[in-house]
N, C-alpha and C. Protein backbone atom coordinates (compact mmCIF):
# COMPACT_ATOMS: atom_id res chain seq x y z
N MET A 1 35.56 104.55 74.46
CA MET A 1 36.88 104.49 73.89
C MET A 1 36.84 103.45 72.78
N ALA A 2 37.37 103.79 71.62
CA ALA A 2 37.47 102.84 70.51
C ALA A 2 38.85 102.18 70.55
N VAL A 3 38.87 100.86 70.51
CA VAL A 3 40.13 100.12 70.57
C VAL A 3 40.25 99.28 69.30
N SER A 4 41.32 99.50 68.55
CA SER A 4 41.52 98.75 67.31
C SER A 4 42.52 97.62 67.52
N GLY A 5 42.56 96.71 66.58
CA GLY A 5 43.48 95.58 66.67
C GLY A 5 42.99 94.49 67.61
N VAL A 6 41.68 94.44 67.81
CA VAL A 6 41.06 93.47 68.72
C VAL A 6 40.56 92.30 67.89
N GLY A 7 40.96 91.10 68.27
CA GLY A 7 40.55 89.93 67.51
C GLY A 7 39.23 89.32 67.91
N ASP A 8 39.05 89.07 69.18
CA ASP A 8 37.88 88.30 69.59
C ASP A 8 37.20 88.85 70.85
N ALA A 9 37.11 90.14 70.99
CA ALA A 9 36.41 90.73 72.13
C ALA A 9 34.92 90.44 72.00
N THR A 10 34.25 90.27 73.13
CA THR A 10 32.82 89.97 73.11
C THR A 10 32.04 90.99 73.92
N TYR A 11 30.77 91.14 73.57
CA TYR A 11 29.89 92.07 74.27
C TYR A 11 29.88 91.75 75.77
N GLY A 12 30.03 92.76 76.61
CA GLY A 12 29.98 92.58 78.05
C GLY A 12 31.30 92.17 78.68
N GLU A 13 32.32 91.92 77.87
CA GLU A 13 33.62 91.51 78.39
C GLU A 13 34.25 92.65 79.19
N VAL A 14 34.83 92.32 80.32
CA VAL A 14 35.50 93.31 81.17
C VAL A 14 36.89 93.58 80.63
N VAL A 15 37.28 94.85 80.66
CA VAL A 15 38.62 95.24 80.24
C VAL A 15 39.34 95.94 81.38
N GLU A 16 40.65 95.85 81.35
CA GLU A 16 41.50 96.53 82.31
C GLU A 16 42.28 97.59 81.55
N ILE A 17 42.24 98.81 82.02
CA ILE A 17 42.90 99.92 81.35
C ILE A 17 44.14 100.31 82.14
N ARG A 18 45.27 100.33 81.45
CA ARG A 18 46.55 100.63 82.10
C ARG A 18 47.17 101.89 81.51
N LEU A 19 47.76 102.67 82.40
CA LEU A 19 48.48 103.87 81.99
C LEU A 19 49.86 103.47 81.46
N PRO A 20 50.57 104.36 80.79
CA PRO A 20 51.88 104.04 80.22
C PRO A 20 52.87 103.45 81.22
N GLY A 21 52.83 103.86 82.48
CA GLY A 21 53.75 103.34 83.48
C GLY A 21 53.38 101.95 83.99
N GLY A 22 52.26 101.38 83.51
CA GLY A 22 51.84 100.06 83.92
C GLY A 22 50.80 100.06 85.03
N GLU A 23 50.50 101.22 85.57
CA GLU A 23 49.51 101.32 86.65
C GLU A 23 48.12 101.01 86.12
N ARG A 24 47.41 100.10 86.81
CA ARG A 24 46.03 99.80 86.44
C ARG A 24 45.18 100.96 86.93
N ARG A 25 44.55 101.63 86.02
CA ARG A 25 43.85 102.85 86.37
C ARG A 25 42.35 102.68 86.49
N ARG A 26 41.77 102.03 85.52
CA ARG A 26 40.32 101.92 85.46
C ARG A 26 39.91 100.60 84.84
N GLY A 27 38.65 100.31 85.00
CA GLY A 27 38.07 99.17 84.32
C GLY A 27 37.09 99.66 83.27
N GLY A 28 36.60 98.74 82.49
CA GLY A 28 35.63 99.07 81.48
C GLY A 28 34.92 97.82 81.00
N GLU A 29 34.04 98.00 80.02
CA GLU A 29 33.24 96.90 79.51
C GLU A 29 33.02 97.11 78.01
N VAL A 30 33.10 96.01 77.26
CA VAL A 30 32.88 96.08 75.82
C VAL A 30 31.39 96.28 75.53
N LEU A 31 31.09 97.35 74.80
CA LEU A 31 29.70 97.63 74.40
C LEU A 31 29.39 97.09 73.02
N GLU A 32 30.42 97.04 72.16
CA GLU A 32 30.23 96.56 70.79
C GLU A 32 31.57 96.08 70.26
N SER A 33 31.52 95.05 69.43
CA SER A 33 32.75 94.52 68.85
C SER A 33 32.45 93.99 67.45
N ARG A 34 33.26 94.41 66.50
CA ARG A 34 33.14 93.88 65.14
C ARG A 34 34.49 93.99 64.45
N SER A 35 34.76 93.04 63.60
CA SER A 35 36.05 92.94 62.92
C SER A 35 37.17 93.06 63.93
N ASP A 36 37.98 94.08 63.84
CA ASP A 36 39.09 94.24 64.78
C ASP A 36 38.92 95.49 65.65
N LEU A 37 37.68 95.95 65.83
CA LEU A 37 37.40 97.16 66.59
C LEU A 37 36.43 96.87 67.73
N ALA A 38 36.73 97.39 68.91
CA ALA A 38 35.83 97.25 70.07
C ALA A 38 35.53 98.63 70.62
N ILE A 39 34.27 98.86 70.98
CA ILE A 39 33.87 100.09 71.65
C ILE A 39 33.77 99.75 73.13
N VAL A 40 34.53 100.45 73.95
CA VAL A 40 34.64 100.15 75.38
C VAL A 40 34.08 101.31 76.21
N GLN A 41 33.18 100.98 77.12
CA GLN A 41 32.72 101.97 78.10
C GLN A 41 33.75 101.98 79.22
N VAL A 42 34.33 103.13 79.49
CA VAL A 42 35.34 103.26 80.54
C VAL A 42 34.66 103.71 81.82
N PHE A 43 34.80 102.93 82.88
CA PHE A 43 34.20 103.30 84.16
C PHE A 43 35.02 104.44 84.76
N GLY A 44 34.37 105.52 85.11
CA GLY A 44 35.07 106.66 85.68
C GLY A 44 35.43 107.72 84.66
N GLY A 45 35.13 107.50 83.40
CA GLY A 45 35.38 108.51 82.39
C GLY A 45 36.76 108.45 81.77
N THR A 46 36.94 109.25 80.72
CA THR A 46 38.19 109.24 79.96
C THR A 46 38.87 110.60 79.94
N GLN A 47 38.43 111.50 80.77
CA GLN A 47 38.92 112.88 80.73
C GLN A 47 40.44 113.00 80.76
N ASP A 48 41.12 112.25 81.61
CA ASP A 48 42.57 112.38 81.73
C ASP A 48 43.35 111.23 81.09
N LEU A 49 42.71 110.45 80.23
CA LEU A 49 43.39 109.34 79.56
C LEU A 49 43.88 109.78 78.19
N ASP A 50 45.13 109.51 77.89
CA ASP A 50 45.67 109.75 76.55
C ASP A 50 45.56 108.44 75.80
N THR A 51 44.59 108.34 74.90
CA THR A 51 44.31 107.08 74.23
C THR A 51 45.43 106.62 73.30
N GLU A 52 46.35 107.49 72.95
CA GLU A 52 47.48 107.10 72.09
C GLU A 52 48.51 106.26 72.84
N ILE A 53 48.61 106.43 74.17
CA ILE A 53 49.64 105.72 74.93
C ILE A 53 49.07 104.87 76.06
N THR A 54 47.76 104.73 76.13
CA THR A 54 47.10 103.91 77.15
C THR A 54 46.85 102.52 76.57
N SER A 55 47.05 101.46 77.35
CA SER A 55 46.80 100.11 76.86
C SER A 55 45.55 99.52 77.51
N VAL A 56 44.96 98.59 76.79
CA VAL A 56 43.73 97.93 77.24
C VAL A 56 43.96 96.43 77.20
N ARG A 57 43.61 95.74 78.29
CA ARG A 57 43.71 94.28 78.33
C ARG A 57 42.31 93.71 78.45
N PHE A 58 41.96 92.82 77.54
CA PHE A 58 40.66 92.16 77.56
C PHE A 58 40.76 90.91 78.42
N THR A 59 39.88 90.79 79.42
CA THR A 59 39.98 89.71 80.40
C THR A 59 39.41 88.38 79.92
N GLY A 60 38.48 88.44 78.96
CA GLY A 60 37.84 87.21 78.50
C GLY A 60 36.64 86.83 79.35
N TYR A 61 36.30 87.65 80.34
CA TYR A 61 35.20 87.34 81.25
C TYR A 61 34.19 88.48 81.29
N PRO A 62 32.91 88.14 81.51
CA PRO A 62 31.90 89.19 81.68
C PRO A 62 31.96 89.76 83.10
N MET A 63 31.25 90.85 83.31
CA MET A 63 31.15 91.47 84.63
C MET A 63 30.47 90.48 85.58
N ARG A 64 31.03 90.33 86.77
CA ARG A 64 30.45 89.43 87.77
C ARG A 64 30.36 90.16 89.09
N MET A 65 29.32 89.82 89.87
CA MET A 65 29.18 90.40 91.19
C MET A 65 28.44 89.42 92.10
N VAL A 66 28.77 89.48 93.37
CA VAL A 66 28.10 88.65 94.36
C VAL A 66 26.83 89.37 94.76
N VAL A 67 25.70 88.65 94.72
CA VAL A 67 24.44 89.28 95.09
C VAL A 67 23.96 88.88 96.47
N SER A 68 24.53 87.81 97.01
CA SER A 68 24.21 87.43 98.38
C SER A 68 25.32 86.51 98.89
N PRO A 69 25.51 86.51 100.20
CA PRO A 69 26.54 85.60 100.74
C PRO A 69 26.11 84.15 100.56
N ARG A 70 27.06 83.29 100.44
CA ARG A 70 26.76 81.87 100.27
C ARG A 70 26.13 81.34 101.55
N TYR A 71 25.02 80.72 101.41
CA TYR A 71 24.30 80.18 102.56
C TYR A 71 24.77 78.76 102.82
N HIS A 72 25.16 78.51 104.02
CA HIS A 72 25.59 77.17 104.42
C HIS A 72 24.60 76.66 105.45
N ARG A 73 23.91 75.61 105.10
CA ARG A 73 22.93 75.03 106.00
C ARG A 73 23.64 73.98 106.87
N PRO A 74 23.60 74.16 108.19
CA PRO A 74 24.27 73.18 109.07
C PRO A 74 23.60 71.81 109.00
N SER A 75 24.41 70.78 109.16
CA SER A 75 23.87 69.40 109.20
C SER A 75 23.12 69.17 110.50
N ILE A 76 22.07 68.40 110.41
CA ILE A 76 21.31 68.06 111.62
C ILE A 76 21.65 66.67 112.06
C-alpha cells in the first residue's frame, strides 16, 4: 500500500491500519520511505481494503517479538 503525506516514517516501522469506522483491522510494516511517501506491507493482504477511505497510523516503533521467557535466577 502506498501512503502519501508521510513526514518521517522509517524502514521497518510498524503501522496500524484502521477502517473508516475506526476499527483496527490489520497491521503492517514500512518497506520504503522517501519524501512524503511510504510503501507499507499490509499483513493479511489488501483485498478488501478501500485505500481511499482507510487510515494508517505510524507507531514510531519497529517490529518487536519475545524470543524467550525472561529467566530469573533465584538467589542462593
